[in-house]
N, C-alpha and C. Protein backbone atom coordinates (compact mmCIF):
# COMPACT_ATOMS: atom_id res chain seq x y z
N MET A 1 0.84 -1.18 0.00
CA MET A 1 0.00 0.00 0.00
C MET A 1 0.89 1.24 0.00
N SER A 2 0.66 2.14 -0.92
CA SER A 2 1.46 3.36 -0.97
C SER A 2 0.64 4.52 -0.44
N LEU A 3 1.36 5.45 0.16
CA LEU A 3 0.71 6.63 0.74
C LEU A 3 1.12 7.84 -0.08
N GLN A 4 0.17 8.55 -0.58
CA GLN A 4 0.46 9.74 -1.37
C GLN A 4 -0.24 10.94 -0.73
N LEU A 5 0.48 12.02 -0.66
CA LEU A 5 -0.08 13.26 -0.13
C LEU A 5 -0.39 14.19 -1.29
N THR A 6 -1.49 14.83 -1.20
CA THR A 6 -1.83 15.84 -2.19
C THR A 6 -1.63 17.21 -1.56
N THR A 7 -1.69 18.22 -2.36
CA THR A 7 -1.53 19.58 -1.81
C THR A 7 -2.64 19.90 -0.84
N ASN A 8 -3.82 19.33 -1.00
CA ASN A 8 -4.92 19.58 -0.06
C ASN A 8 -4.61 19.00 1.31
N ASP A 9 -3.81 17.92 1.37
CA ASP A 9 -3.46 17.32 2.65
C ASP A 9 -2.53 18.21 3.46
N CYS A 10 -1.82 19.11 2.81
CA CYS A 10 -0.84 19.96 3.48
C CYS A 10 -1.41 21.32 3.88
N GLN A 11 -2.61 21.62 3.46
CA GLN A 11 -3.22 22.91 3.76
C GLN A 11 -3.77 22.88 5.19
N PRO A 12 -3.50 23.92 5.98
CA PRO A 12 -4.05 23.96 7.33
C PRO A 12 -5.56 24.14 7.29
N THR A 13 -6.21 23.55 8.26
CA THR A 13 -7.66 23.76 8.35
C THR A 13 -7.90 25.18 8.83
N ALA A 14 -9.12 25.64 8.68
CA ALA A 14 -9.46 27.01 9.10
C ALA A 14 -9.24 27.17 10.60
N ALA A 15 -9.61 26.15 11.38
CA ALA A 15 -9.45 26.24 12.84
C ALA A 15 -7.97 26.31 13.21
N LEU A 16 -7.14 25.51 12.56
CA LEU A 16 -5.72 25.52 12.86
C LEU A 16 -5.12 26.86 12.45
N ALA A 17 -5.46 27.34 11.28
CA ALA A 17 -4.93 28.62 10.82
C ALA A 17 -5.37 29.73 11.76
N SER A 18 -6.60 29.70 12.20
CA SER A 18 -7.10 30.72 13.11
C SER A 18 -6.33 30.67 14.44
N GLY A 19 -6.07 29.46 14.94
CA GLY A 19 -5.32 29.31 16.19
C GLY A 19 -3.90 29.82 16.06
N GLN A 20 -3.28 29.58 14.90
CA GLN A 20 -1.92 30.06 14.68
C GLN A 20 -1.89 31.57 14.60
N ILE A 21 -2.87 32.15 13.95
CA ILE A 21 -2.94 33.61 13.84
C ILE A 21 -3.17 34.21 15.22
N ASP A 22 -4.08 33.60 15.99
CA ASP A 22 -4.36 34.10 17.33
C ASP A 22 -3.10 34.02 18.20
N LEU A 23 -2.37 32.92 18.11
CA LEU A 23 -1.15 32.77 18.90
C LEU A 23 -0.10 33.80 18.48
N ARG A 24 0.05 34.01 17.19
CA ARG A 24 1.01 35.02 16.71
C ARG A 24 0.60 36.41 17.17
N GLU A 25 -0.68 36.71 17.11
CA GLU A 25 -1.17 38.02 17.54
C GLU A 25 -0.93 38.22 19.04
N ARG A 26 -1.21 37.21 19.82
CA ARG A 26 -0.99 37.30 21.27
C ARG A 26 0.49 37.47 21.59
N LEU A 27 1.35 36.76 20.86
CA LEU A 27 2.79 36.89 21.06
C LEU A 27 3.25 38.29 20.68
N ARG A 28 2.75 38.80 19.54
CA ARG A 28 3.12 40.15 19.11
C ARG A 28 2.70 41.18 20.15
N GLU A 29 1.50 41.05 20.69
CA GLU A 29 1.01 41.98 21.71
C GLU A 29 1.85 41.90 22.98
N ALA A 30 2.24 40.69 23.38
CA ALA A 30 3.05 40.52 24.58
C ALA A 30 4.43 41.17 24.40
N VAL A 31 5.03 40.98 23.25
CA VAL A 31 6.34 41.58 22.98
C VAL A 31 6.21 43.10 22.93
N THR A 32 5.15 43.60 22.32
CA THR A 32 4.93 45.04 22.25
C THR A 32 4.79 45.63 23.66
N ARG A 33 4.02 44.97 24.52
CA ARG A 33 3.87 45.44 25.91
C ARG A 33 5.21 45.43 26.63
N LEU A 34 5.99 44.38 26.44
CA LEU A 34 7.29 44.27 27.10
C LEU A 34 8.23 45.38 26.65
N VAL A 35 8.29 45.63 25.36
CA VAL A 35 9.16 46.68 24.83
C VAL A 35 8.70 48.05 25.32
N THR A 36 7.40 48.29 25.32
CA THR A 36 6.86 49.56 25.80
C THR A 36 7.20 49.77 27.27
N GLN A 37 7.01 48.72 28.07
CA GLN A 37 7.33 48.82 29.50
C GLN A 37 8.81 49.10 29.71
N PHE A 38 9.67 48.45 28.92
CA PHE A 38 11.10 48.68 29.04
C PHE A 38 11.45 50.12 28.68
N HIS A 39 10.88 50.65 27.61
CA HIS A 39 11.15 52.04 27.20
C HIS A 39 10.66 53.03 28.26
N ASP A 40 9.50 52.77 28.84
CA ASP A 40 8.98 53.64 29.90
C ASP A 40 9.91 53.63 31.10
N TRP A 41 10.40 52.44 31.46
CA TRP A 41 11.30 52.32 32.60
C TRP A 41 12.61 53.05 32.32
N ARG A 42 13.16 52.89 31.11
CA ARG A 42 14.42 53.57 30.77
C ARG A 42 14.24 55.09 30.81
N ARG A 43 13.08 55.58 30.35
CA ARG A 43 12.82 57.01 30.40
C ARG A 43 12.80 57.49 31.86
N ALA A 44 12.18 56.71 32.73
CA ALA A 44 12.12 57.09 34.14
C ALA A 44 13.52 57.07 34.76
N VAL A 45 14.35 56.12 34.37
CA VAL A 45 15.73 56.07 34.87
C VAL A 45 16.50 57.32 34.43
N ARG A 46 16.36 57.68 33.15
CA ARG A 46 17.05 58.88 32.65
C ARG A 46 16.56 60.13 33.38
N ASP A 47 15.25 60.22 33.60
CA ASP A 47 14.70 61.38 34.33
C ASP A 47 15.25 61.42 35.75
N ARG A 48 15.27 60.27 36.41
CA ARG A 48 15.78 60.23 37.78
C ARG A 48 17.24 60.64 37.82
N GLU A 49 18.03 60.16 36.85
CA GLU A 49 19.45 60.53 36.82
C GLU A 49 19.62 62.04 36.63
N ALA A 50 18.82 62.62 35.74
CA ALA A 50 18.92 64.06 35.50
C ALA A 50 18.50 64.84 36.74
N LEU A 51 17.42 64.42 37.37
CA LEU A 51 16.95 65.11 38.57
C LEU A 51 17.91 64.92 39.74
N SER A 52 18.58 63.79 39.79
CA SER A 52 19.53 63.52 40.87
C SER A 52 20.74 64.46 40.81
N ARG A 53 21.04 64.95 39.61
CA ARG A 53 22.16 65.88 39.46
C ARG A 53 21.80 67.29 39.92
N MET A 54 20.51 67.56 40.14
CA MET A 54 20.08 68.89 40.58
C MET A 54 20.29 69.02 42.09
N ASP A 55 20.57 70.24 42.53
CA ASP A 55 20.66 70.45 43.98
C ASP A 55 19.25 70.67 44.55
N ASP A 56 19.16 70.69 45.87
CA ASP A 56 17.85 70.80 46.54
C ASP A 56 17.11 72.08 46.15
N HIS A 57 17.84 73.18 45.97
CA HIS A 57 17.20 74.44 45.59
C HIS A 57 16.55 74.31 44.20
N GLN A 58 17.25 73.71 43.25
CA GLN A 58 16.69 73.52 41.91
C GLN A 58 15.47 72.62 41.96
N LEU A 59 15.53 71.57 42.76
CA LEU A 59 14.38 70.67 42.88
C LEU A 59 13.17 71.41 43.46
N ARG A 60 13.40 72.23 44.48
CA ARG A 60 12.29 72.99 45.07
C ARG A 60 11.68 73.94 44.04
N ASP A 61 12.52 74.51 43.16
CA ASP A 61 12.03 75.41 42.12
C ASP A 61 11.02 74.73 41.20
N ILE A 62 11.17 73.45 40.99
CA ILE A 62 10.23 72.73 40.12
C ILE A 62 9.21 71.91 40.91
N GLY A 63 9.17 72.16 42.23
CA GLY A 63 8.14 71.55 43.07
C GLY A 63 8.42 70.13 43.51
N LEU A 64 9.70 69.75 43.56
CA LEU A 64 10.06 68.40 43.99
C LEU A 64 10.97 68.44 45.20
N GLU A 65 11.02 67.31 45.88
CA GLU A 65 11.97 67.11 46.97
C GLU A 65 12.85 65.93 46.61
N ARG A 66 13.95 65.81 47.31
CA ARG A 66 14.89 64.72 47.04
C ARG A 66 14.20 63.35 47.13
N SER A 67 13.29 63.18 48.07
CA SER A 67 12.60 61.89 48.22
C SER A 67 11.70 61.57 47.02
N ASP A 68 11.20 62.60 46.35
CA ASP A 68 10.40 62.38 45.14
C ASP A 68 11.25 61.76 44.03
N VAL A 69 12.48 62.21 43.94
CA VAL A 69 13.38 61.75 42.88
C VAL A 69 13.76 60.28 43.11
N GLU A 70 14.00 59.90 44.33
CA GLU A 70 14.48 58.55 44.63
C GLU A 70 13.48 57.47 44.26
N GLY A 71 12.20 57.77 44.26
CA GLY A 71 11.21 56.75 43.95
C GLY A 71 10.76 56.72 42.50
N LEU A 72 11.42 57.48 41.63
CA LEU A 72 10.97 57.58 40.24
C LEU A 72 11.10 56.31 39.42
N ALA A 73 12.18 55.59 39.54
CA ALA A 73 12.41 54.43 38.67
C ALA A 73 12.85 53.22 39.48
N PRO A 74 11.90 52.54 40.12
CA PRO A 74 12.28 51.32 40.83
C PRO A 74 12.73 50.27 39.82
N PRO A 75 13.36 49.19 40.27
CA PRO A 75 13.81 48.17 39.33
C PRO A 75 12.67 47.69 38.44
N LEU A 76 13.01 47.35 37.21
CA LEU A 76 12.02 46.95 36.20
C LEU A 76 11.16 45.80 36.67
N TRP A 77 11.73 44.83 37.36
CA TRP A 77 10.97 43.66 37.77
C TRP A 77 9.96 43.95 38.87
N THR A 78 10.01 45.15 39.47
CA THR A 78 9.02 45.50 40.49
C THR A 78 7.91 46.36 39.91
N GLN A 79 8.02 46.70 38.62
CA GLN A 79 7.01 47.52 37.97
C GLN A 79 5.73 46.69 37.76
N PRO A 80 4.59 47.22 38.11
CA PRO A 80 3.36 46.48 37.82
C PRO A 80 3.11 46.44 36.32
N GLY A 81 2.73 45.30 35.83
CA GLY A 81 2.44 45.17 34.42
C GLY A 81 0.99 45.49 34.13
N PRO A 82 0.59 45.44 32.87
CA PRO A 82 -0.80 45.71 32.53
C PRO A 82 -1.72 44.72 33.21
N GLY A 83 -2.79 45.22 33.79
CA GLY A 83 -3.77 44.35 34.43
C GLY A 83 -3.41 43.87 35.81
N ARG A 84 -2.28 44.35 36.36
CA ARG A 84 -1.91 43.92 37.71
C ARG A 84 -2.35 44.91 38.74
């Protein structure tokens, strides 16, 4: 008995194709959220570094205190993610 495959045998079913598209879309969204969160965190780190270079008088001029600056960019892994 010989087994032959036709091109129709290799085509994904609609359900399988839909599942693959859904998985790719979910992965793309997860990567997008991760990259966005990383960029937001890096921006906060840069802001904190710039504000840390200011003296207390300069900080007061813009309505901040030294303690405000220290809490600007906690470590990335402590940042709440979407939906948390």
